[in-house]
């Protein structure tokens, strides 16, 4: 079973949008996925630090796989919301499995258009376009597009994965009402694909919760793994969005 692949869907989980007028309040969101007698628990947080947003994600697997060793994942991104796109400042990610441990840290120098960092202790430097995103900020862009009505059909994104750039296409598939731990929710379904991969990720985003993803389906090798929101805690009073796309 590909738990290291299933964990990748967390890159989209619990991310929040921020627009020119308002940003989503700080929160903690918990997601769960069940597969083959194992449980994946992920906790996603959003916090504000002056003009910047800090997003973090921590996940672990419990069940019989835990007998083999640790299965853990963490990710964070610090970026500044701007009118056209978020401006990444730094990112960090890591994963631990019984076979290996991986760690990547990156800082962005926008005066030179370069991303510099280390992947598993090896230094790298990549030239990046101004709208380069990481996984977390790419969901931020998806949510602001849905919220502001800028996401008509498809959206192309350049995402830095460790030390390489990858192009993704996001397609808005339509509206759907789904059952969740928070009750029935009207959502917008978005599908993410890449030209050089057969992996597909579908997300259901709830307009009445600032387009927070309620469910994520990760499809690879003919199997579908589902990650669902089970708990949501706001850390300051929530004001309902003034305008939610139907």
C-alpha atoms as a PDB file:
ATOM      1  CA  UNK A   1       0.000   0.000   0.000  1.00  0.00           C
ATOM      2  CA  UNK A   2       1.358   3.393  -0.965  1.00  0.00           C
ATOM      3  CA  UNK A   3       0.999   5.416   2.217  1.00  0.00           C
ATOM      4  CA  UNK A   4       3.775   7.718   1.066  1.00  0.00           C
ATOM      5  CA  UNK A   5       1.582   8.511  -1.950  1.00  0.00           C
ATOM      6  CA  UNK A   6      -1.574   8.876   0.100  1.00  0.00           C
ATOM      7  CA  UNK A   7       0.202  11.365   2.339  1.00  0.00           C
ATOM      8  CA  UNK A   8       0.772  13.570  -0.724  1.00  0.00           C
ATOM      9  CA  UNK A   9      -2.910  14.468  -0.797  1.00  0.00           C
ATOM     10  CA  UNK A  10      -2.300  16.383   2.399  1.00  0.00           C
ATOM     11  CA  UNK A  11      -0.548  18.997   0.329  1.00  0.00           C
ATOM     12  CA  UNK A  12      -4.015  20.213  -0.458  1.00  0.00           C
ATOM     13  CA  UNK A  13      -5.622  19.689   2.860  1.00  0.00           C
ATOM     14  CA  UNK A  14      -6.741  22.462   5.143  1.00  0.00           C
ATOM     15  CA  UNK A  15      -5.269  25.310   3.202  1.00  0.00           C
ATOM     16  CA  UNK A  16      -6.979  28.698   3.337  1.00  0.00           C
ATOM     17  CA  UNK A  17      -7.501  31.606   1.059  1.00  0.00           C
ATOM     18  CA  UNK A  18      -6.639  35.250   1.477  1.00  0.00           C
ATOM     19  CA  UNK A  19      -7.810  38.015  -0.774  1.00  0.00           C
ATOM     20  CA  UNK A  20      -7.061  41.671  -1.155  1.00  0.00           C
ATOM     21  CA  UNK A  21      -9.867  42.542   1.311  1.00  0.00           C
ATOM     22  CA  UNK A  22      -9.930  39.744   3.900  1.00  0.00           C
ATOM     23  CA  UNK A  23      -8.186  36.551   4.874  1.00  0.00           C
ATOM     24  CA  UNK A  24      -9.568  33.472   6.508  1.00  0.00           C
ATOM     25  CA  UNK A  25      -9.194  33.489  10.313  1.00  0.00           C
ATOM     26  CA  UNK A  26      -6.606  31.270  11.967  1.00  0.00           C
ATOM     27  CA  UNK A  27      -7.793  27.695  12.396  1.00  0.00           C
ATOM     28  CA  UNK A  28      -6.934  24.080  13.070  1.00  0.00           C
ATOM     29  CA  UNK A  29      -8.451  21.439  10.791  1.00  0.00           C
ATOM     30  CA  UNK A  30      -8.243  17.682  11.302  1.00  0.00           C
ATOM     31  CA  UNK A  31      -8.545  15.195   8.442  1.00  0.00           C
ATOM     32  CA  UNK A  32      -8.724  11.401   8.466  1.00  0.00           C
ATOM     33  CA  UNK A  33      -8.307   8.629   5.908  1.00  0.00           C
ATOM     34  CA  UNK A  34      -8.966   4.914   6.441  1.00  0.00           C
ATOM     35  CA  UNK A  35      -7.374   2.184   4.338  1.00  0.00           C
ATOM     36  CA  UNK A  36      -6.632  -1.503   4.923  1.00  0.00           C
ATOM     37  CA  UNK A  37      -7.006  -1.283   8.682  1.00  0.00           C
ATOM     38  CA  UNK A  38      -4.811   1.800   9.008  1.00  0.00           C
ATOM     39  CA  UNK A  39      -5.713   5.355   9.941  1.00  0.00           C
ATOM     40  CA  UNK A  40      -4.050   8.493   8.613  1.00  0.00           C
ATOM     41  CA  UNK A  41      -4.587  11.556  10.819  1.00  0.00           C
ATOM     42  CA  UNK A  42      -3.555  14.993   9.572  1.00  0.00           C
ATOM     43  CA  UNK A  43      -3.698  18.316  11.399  1.00  0.00           C
ATOM     44  CA  UNK A  44      -3.552  21.484   9.341  1.00  0.00           C
ATOM     45  CA  UNK A  45      -3.120  24.963  10.789  1.00  0.00           C
ATOM     46  CA  UNK A  46      -3.194  28.516   9.502  1.00  0.00           C
ATOM     47  CA  UNK A  47      -1.772  31.475  11.402  1.00  0.00           C
ATOM     48  CA  UNK A  48      -1.149  35.141  10.629  1.00  0.00           C
ATOM     49  CA  UNK A  49       2.189  36.835  11.194  1.00  0.00           C
ATOM     50  CA  UNK A  50       1.919  40.499  10.247  1.00  0.00           C
ATOM     51  CA  UNK A  51       1.615  40.671   6.460  1.00  0.00           C
ATOM     52  CA  UNK A  52       2.537  37.015   6.045  1.00  0.00           C
ATOM     53  CA  UNK A  53       0.573  33.792   6.285  1.00  0.00           C
ATOM     54  CA  UNK A  54       2.056  30.688   7.858  1.00  0.00           C
ATOM     55  CA  UNK A  55       0.546  27.327   6.972  1.00  0.00           C
ATOM     56  CA  UNK A  56       1.644  24.045   8.522  1.00  0.00           C
ATOM     57  CA  UNK A  57       0.649  20.413   8.178  1.00  0.00           C
ATOM     58  CA  UNK A  58       1.531  17.401  10.322  1.00  0.00           C
ATOM     59  CA  UNK A  59       0.363  13.843   9.682  1.00  0.00           C
ATOM     60  CA  UNK A  60       0.998  10.330  10.917  1.00  0.00           C
ATOM     61  CA  UNK A  61      -0.245   6.795  10.303  1.00  0.00           C
ATOM     62  CA  UNK A  62      -1.516   4.449  12.997  1.00  0.00           C
ATOM     63  CA  UNK A  63      -2.576   0.815  12.726  1.00  0.00           C
ATOM     64  CA  UNK A  64      -0.628  -2.330  11.852  1.00  0.00           C
ATOM     65  CA  UNK A  65       1.731  -0.341   9.619  1.00  0.00           C
ATOM     66  CA  UNK A  66       2.969   1.380  12.769  1.00  0.00           C
ATOM     67  CA  UNK A  67       4.497  -1.951  13.774  1.00  0.00           C
ATOM     68  CA  UNK A  68       6.912  -1.547  10.855  1.00  0.00           C
ATOM     69  CA  UNK A  69       8.103   1.863  12.017  1.00  0.00           C
ATOM     70  CA  UNK A  70       7.210   5.526  11.747  1.00  0.00           C
ATOM     71  CA  UNK A  71       5.084   6.936   8.925  1.00  0.00           C
ATOM     72  CA  UNK A  72       5.065  10.716   9.380  1.00  0.00           C
ATOM     73  CA  UNK A  73       4.826  13.796   7.210  1.00  0.00           C
ATOM     74  CA  UNK A  74       5.182  17.527   7.816  1.00  0.00           C
ATOM     75  CA  UNK A  75       5.045  20.584   5.610  1.00  0.00           C
ATOM     76  CA  UNK A  76       4.985  24.354   6.028  1.00  0.00           C
ATOM     77  CA  UNK A  77       4.955  27.456   3.839  1.00  0.00           C
ATOM     78  CA  UNK A  78       5.391  31.140   4.630  1.00  0.00           C
ATOM     79  CA  UNK A  79       4.159  33.561   1.998  1.00  0.00           C
ATOM     80  CA  UNK A  80       2.806  37.047   1.530  1.00  0.00           C
ATOM     81  CA  UNK A  81      -0.605  37.478  -0.134  1.00  0.00           C
ATOM     82  CA  UNK A  82      -0.433  39.849  -3.101  1.00  0.00           C
ATOM     83  CA  UNK A  83      -2.934  40.951  -5.731  1.00  0.00           C
ATOM     84  CA  UNK A  84      -1.774  38.685  -8.567  1.00  0.00           C
ATOM     85  CA  UNK A  85      -0.370  35.719  -6.671  1.00  0.00           C
ATOM     86  CA  UNK A  86       1.150  34.840  -3.289  1.00  0.00           C
ATOM     87  CA  UNK A  87       4.831  35.649  -2.900  1.00  0.00           C
ATOM     88  CA  UNK A  88       6.611  32.664  -1.377  1.00  0.00           C
ATOM     89  CA  UNK A  89       9.256  33.441   1.242  1.00  0.00           C
ATOM     90  CA  UNK A  90      10.234  29.975   2.434  1.00  0.00           C
ATOM     91  CA  UNK A  91       9.025  26.383   2.450  1.00  0.00           C
ATOM     92  CA  UNK A  92       9.894  23.238   4.361  1.00  0.00           C
ATOM     93  CA  UNK A  93       8.814  19.617   4.038  1.00  0.00           C
ATOM     94  CA  UNK A  94       9.809  16.253   5.406  1.00  0.00           C
ATOM     95  CA  UNK A  95       8.711  12.640   5.527  1.00  0.00           C
ATOM     96  CA  UNK A  96       9.724   9.629   7.585  1.00  0.00           C
ATOM     97  CA  UNK A  97       9.087   5.988   6.667  1.00  0.00           C
ATOM     98  CA  UNK A  98      10.823   2.807   7.844  1.00  0.00           C
ATOM     99  CA  UNK A  99      12.947   2.846   4.687  1.00  0.00           C
ATOM    100  CA  UNK A 100      13.993   6.475   4.453  1.00  0.00           C
ATOM    101  CA  UNK A 101      13.814  10.009   5.771  1.00  0.00           C
ATOM    102  CA  UNK A 102      13.572  13.026   3.500  1.00  0.00           C
ATOM    103  CA  UNK A 103      13.936  16.724   4.262  1.00  0.00           C
ATOM    104  CA  UNK A 104      13.766  19.786   2.006  1.00  0.00           C
ATOM    105  CA  UNK A 105      14.152  23.466   2.948  1.00  0.00           C
ATOM    106  CA  UNK A 106      13.888  26.314   0.444  1.00  0.00           C
ATOM    107  CA  UNK A 107      14.153  30.105   0.472  1.00  0.00           C
ATOM    108  CA  UNK A 108      13.158  32.382  -2.381  1.00  0.00           C
ATOM    109  CA  UNK A 109      15.189  35.342  -3.668  1.00  0.00           C
ATOM    110  CA  UNK A 110      12.759  37.264  -5.867  1.00  0.00           C
ATOM    111  CA  UNK A 111      15.270  39.992  -6.670  1.00  0.00           C
ATOM    112  CA  UNK A 112      17.141  37.341  -8.670  1.00  0.00           C
ATOM    113  CA  UNK A 113      14.252  34.995  -9.439  1.00  0.00           C
ATOM    114  CA  UNK A 114      15.983  32.073  -7.730  1.00  0.00           C
ATOM    115  CA  UNK A 115      14.994  29.392  -5.240  1.00  0.00           C
ATOM    116  CA  UNK A 116      17.852  28.107  -3.083  1.00  0.00           C
ATOM    117  CA  UNK A 117      17.805  25.325  -0.560  1.00  0.00           C
ATOM    118  CA  UNK A 118      18.809  21.852   0.487  1.00  0.00           C
ATOM    119  CA  UNK A 119      17.241  18.485  -0.322  1.00  0.00           C
ATOM    120  CA  UNK A 120      18.461  15.650   1.899  1.00  0.00           C
ATOM    121  CA  UNK A 121      21.573  17.666   2.733  1.00  0.00           C
ATOM    122  CA  UNK A 122      22.411  18.448  -0.897  1.00  0.00           C
ATOM    123  CA  UNK A 123      22.317  22.100  -1.960  1.00  0.00           C
ATOM    124  CA  UNK A 124      20.311  23.153  -5.005  1.00  0.00           C
ATOM    125  CA  UNK A 125      19.453  26.341  -6.870  1.00  0.00           C
ATOM    126  CA  UNK A 126      16.606  26.722  -9.380  1.00  0.00           C
ATOM    127  CA  UNK A 127      15.513  29.618 -11.564  1.00  0.00           C
ATOM    128  CA  UNK A 128      11.809  30.227 -10.925  1.00  0.00           C
ATOM    129  CA  UNK A 129       9.161  32.416 -12.599  1.00  0.00           C
ATOM    130  CA  UNK A 130       7.471  35.141 -10.509  1.00  0.00           C
ATOM    131  CA  UNK A 131       4.267  33.141 -10.007  1.00  0.00           C
ATOM    132  CA  UNK A 132       5.974  29.977  -8.721  1.00  0.00           C
ATOM    133  CA  UNK A 133       4.065  28.217  -5.951  1.00  0.00           C
ATOM    134  CA  UNK A 134       4.535  25.307  -3.616  1.00  0.00           C
ATOM    135  CA  UNK A 135       1.811  22.747  -2.857  1.00  0.00           C
ATOM    136  CA  UNK A 136       0.194  24.702  -0.058  1.00  0.00           C
ATOM    137  CA  UNK A 137       0.186  28.058  -1.795  1.00  0.00           C
ATOM    138  CA  UNK A 138      -1.185  26.405  -4.952  1.00  0.00           C
ATOM    139  CA  UNK A 139      -4.316  25.514  -3.006  1.00  0.00           C
ATOM    140  CA  UNK A 140      -4.419  29.060  -1.678  1.00  0.00           C
ATOM    141  CA  UNK A 141      -4.572  30.239  -5.304  1.00  0.00           C
ATOM    142  CA  UNK A 142      -7.293  27.698  -6.080  1.00  0.00           C
ATOM    143  CA  UNK A 143      -9.427  28.968  -3.219  1.00  0.00           C
ATOM    144  CA  UNK A 144      -9.037  32.642  -4.014  1.00  0.00           C
ATOM    145  CA  UNK A 145      -9.919  31.873  -7.633  1.00  0.00           C
ATOM    146  CA  UNK A 146     -13.080  30.076  -6.558  1.00  0.00           C
ATOM    147  CA  UNK A 147     -13.995  32.803  -4.108  1.00  0.00           C
ATOM    148  CA  UNK A 148     -13.414  35.707  -6.485  1.00  0.00           C
ATOM    149  CA  UNK A 149     -15.003  34.078  -9.536  1.00  0.00           C
ATOM    150  CA  UNK A 150     -11.689  34.036 -11.445  1.00  0.00           C
ATOM    151  CA  UNK A 151     -11.721  30.268 -11.832  1.00  0.00           C
ATOM    152  CA  UNK A 152     -13.964  29.808 -14.880  1.00  0.00           C
ATOM    153  CA  UNK A 153     -12.824  26.397 -16.137  1.00  0.00           C
ATOM    154  CA  UNK A 154      -9.103  25.601 -15.927  1.00  0.00           C
ATOM    155  CA  UNK A 155      -6.019  27.046 -14.300  1.00  0.00           C
ATOM    156  CA  UNK A 156      -2.337  26.304 -15.003  1.00  0.00           C
ATOM    157  CA  UNK A 157       0.129  26.449 -12.125  1.00  0.00           C
ATOM    158  CA  UNK A 158       3.914  26.193 -11.818  1.00  0.00           C
ATOM    159  CA  UNK A 159       4.802  24.352  -8.613  1.00  0.00           C
ATOM    160  CA  UNK A 160       8.250  23.827  -7.138  1.00  0.00           C
ATOM    161  CA  UNK A 161       8.542  20.246  -5.878  1.00  0.00           C
ATOM    162  CA  UNK A 162      11.761  19.832  -3.928  1.00  0.00           C
ATOM    163  CA  UNK A 163      14.341  20.942  -6.522  1.00  0.00           C
ATOM    164  CA  UNK A 164      12.304  20.878  -9.753  1.00  0.00           C
ATOM    165  CA  UNK A 165       9.373  22.702 -11.350  1.00  0.00           C
ATOM    166  CA  UNK A 166       6.213  20.872 -12.385  1.00  0.00           C
ATOM    167  CA  UNK A 167       3.171  22.148 -14.298  1.00  0.00           C
ATOM    168  CA  UNK A 168      -0.316  21.295 -13.035  1.00  0.00           C
ATOM    169  CA  UNK A 169      -3.757  21.868 -14.537  1.00  0.00           C
ATOM    170  CA  UNK A 170      -6.713  22.538 -12.248  1.00  0.00           C
ATOM    171  CA  UNK A 171     -10.166  21.969 -13.728  1.00  0.00           C
ATOM    172  CA  UNK A 172     -13.426  23.145 -12.169  1.00  0.00           C
ATOM    173  CA  UNK A 173     -15.803  20.177 -12.611  1.00  0.00           C
ATOM    174  CA  UNK A 174     -18.982  21.666 -11.130  1.00  0.00           C
ATOM    175  CA  UNK A 175     -21.130  21.732  -7.991  1.00  0.00           C
ATOM    176  CA  UNK A 176     -21.885  18.807  -5.697  1.00  0.00           C
ATOM    177  CA  UNK A 177     -23.545  18.307  -2.330  1.00  0.00           C
ATOM    178  CA  UNK A 178     -21.681  15.864  -0.096  1.00  0.00           C
ATOM    179  CA  UNK A 179     -22.139  14.410   3.376  1.00  0.00           C
ATOM    180  CA  UNK A 180     -19.449  15.379   5.882  1.00  0.00           C
ATOM    181  CA  UNK A 181     -18.786  15.201   9.612  1.00  0.00           C
ATOM    182  CA  UNK A 182     -20.023  18.813   9.706  1.00  0.00           C
ATOM    183  CA  UNK A 183     -23.279  17.927   7.928  1.00  0.00           C
ATOM    184  CA  UNK A 184     -24.320  18.213   4.299  1.00  0.00           C
ATOM    185  CA  UNK A 185     -22.252  20.742   2.396  1.00  0.00           C
ATOM    186  CA  UNK A 186     -22.633  22.385  -1.003  1.00  0.00           C
ATOM    187  CA  UNK A 187     -19.221  22.236  -2.621  1.00  0.00           C
ATOM    188  CA  UNK A 188     -17.280  22.966  -5.789  1.00  0.00           C
ATOM    189  CA  UNK A 189     -15.268  20.054  -7.176  1.00  0.00           C
ATOM    190  CA  UNK A 190     -11.801  20.754  -8.574  1.00  0.00           C
ATOM    191  CA  UNK A 191      -9.544  18.142 -10.222  1.00  0.00           C
ATOM    192  CA  UNK A 192      -5.752  18.468 -10.389  1.00  0.00           C
ATOM    193  CA  UNK A 193      -3.736  16.668 -13.085  1.00  0.00           C
ATOM    194  CA  UNK A 194      -0.260  16.804 -14.605  1.00  0.00           C
ATOM    195  CA  UNK A 195       0.837  15.985 -18.154  1.00  0.00           C
ATOM    196  CA  UNK A 196       3.706  13.808 -16.912  1.00  0.00           C
ATOM    197  CA  UNK A 197       1.787  11.799 -14.290  1.00  0.00           C
ATOM    198  CA  UNK A 198      -1.307   9.571 -14.174  1.00  0.00           C
ATOM    199  CA  UNK A 199      -2.067  10.629 -10.586  1.00  0.00           C
ATOM    200  CA  UNK A 200      -5.320  12.560 -10.153  1.00  0.00           C
ATOM    201  CA  UNK A 201      -6.411  14.548  -7.121  1.00  0.00           C
ATOM    202  CA  UNK A 202     -10.013  15.724  -6.640  1.00  0.00           C
ATOM    203  CA  UNK A 203     -11.040  18.259  -4.000  1.00  0.00           C
ATOM    204  CA  UNK A 204     -14.467  19.367  -2.744  1.00  0.00           C
ATOM    205  CA  UNK A 205     -14.369  22.984  -1.485  1.00  0.00           C
ATOM    206  CA  UNK A 206     -17.108  24.523   0.688  1.00  0.00           C
ATOM    207  CA  UNK A 207     -18.016  28.175  -0.069  1.00  0.00           C
ATOM    208  CA  UNK A 208     -19.672  28.656   3.341  1.00  0.00           C
ATOM    209  CA  UNK A 209     -16.379  27.703   5.042  1.00  0.00           C
ATOM    210  CA  UNK A 210     -14.196  30.080   3.045  1.00  0.00           C
ATOM    211  CA  UNK A 211     -13.640  27.342   0.434  1.00  0.00           C
ATOM    212  CA  UNK A 212     -11.966  25.020   2.885  1.00  0.00           C
ATOM    213  CA  UNK A 213     -11.574  21.537   1.337  1.00  0.00           C
ATOM    214  CA  UNK A 214     -14.062  19.127   2.890  1.00  0.00           C
ATOM    215  CA  UNK A 215     -12.847  16.024   1.068  1.00  0.00           C
ATOM    216  CA  UNK A 216      -9.900  14.970  -1.080  1.00  0.00           C
ATOM    217  CA  UNK A 217      -9.733  11.875  -3.290  1.00  0.00           C
ATOM    218  CA  UNK A 218      -6.311  10.671  -4.413  1.00  0.00           C
ATOM    219  CA  UNK A 219      -6.393   8.300  -7.384  1.00  0.00           C
ATOM    220  CA  UNK A 220      -3.350   6.311  -8.510  1.00  0.00           C
ATOM    221  CA  UNK A 221      -2.808   2.829  -9.974  1.00  0.00           C
ATOM    222  CA  UNK A 222      -6.541   2.233 -10.151  1.00  0.00           C
ATOM    223  CA  UNK A 223      -7.089   2.885  -6.444  1.00  0.00           C
ATOM    224  CA  UNK A 224      -8.800   5.818  -4.757  1.00  0.00           C
ATOM    225  CA  UNK A 225      -7.895   6.979  -1.257  1.00  0.00           C
ATOM    226  CA  UNK A 226     -10.228   9.418   0.510  1.00  0.00           C
ATOM    227  CA  UNK A 227      -9.284  12.056   3.059  1.00  0.00           C
ATOM    228  CA  UNK A 228     -12.160  13.773   4.912  1.00  0.00           C
ATOM    229  CA  UNK A 229     -12.444  16.726   7.264  1.00  0.00           C
ATOM    230  CA  UNK A 230     -13.515  15.506  10.704  1.00  0.00           C
ATOM    231  CA  UNK A 231     -12.947  18.539  12.937  1.00  0.00           C
ATOM    232  CA  UNK A 232     -12.580  22.285  12.435  1.00  0.00           C
ATOM    233  CA  UNK A 233     -11.682  24.858  15.069  1.00  0.00           C
ATOM    234  CA  UNK A 234     -11.554  28.599  14.413  1.00  0.00           C
ATOM    235  CA  UNK A 235      -9.257  30.638  16.622  1.00  0.00           C
ATOM    236  CA  UNK A 236     -11.101  33.930  16.355  1.00  0.00           C
ATOM    237  CA  UNK A 237     -14.681  34.943  15.463  1.00  0.00           C
ATOM    238  CA  UNK A 238     -15.627  33.962  11.930  1.00  0.00           C
ATOM    239  CA  UNK A 239     -17.429  36.389   9.648  1.00  0.00           C
ATOM    240  CA  UNK A 240     -19.380  34.656   6.898  1.00  0.00           C
ATOM    241  CA  UNK A 241     -18.065  35.357   3.391  1.00  0.00           C
ATOM    242  CA  UNK A 242     -19.866  38.330   1.867  1.00  0.00           C
ATOM    243  CA  UNK A 243     -20.116  36.615  -1.495  1.00  0.00           C
ATOM    244  CA  UNK A 244     -19.972  32.885  -2.120  1.00  0.00           C
ATOM    245  CA  UNK A 245     -19.983  31.548  -5.635  1.00  0.00           C
ATOM    246  CA  UNK A 246     -23.110  29.369  -6.074  1.00  0.00           C
END
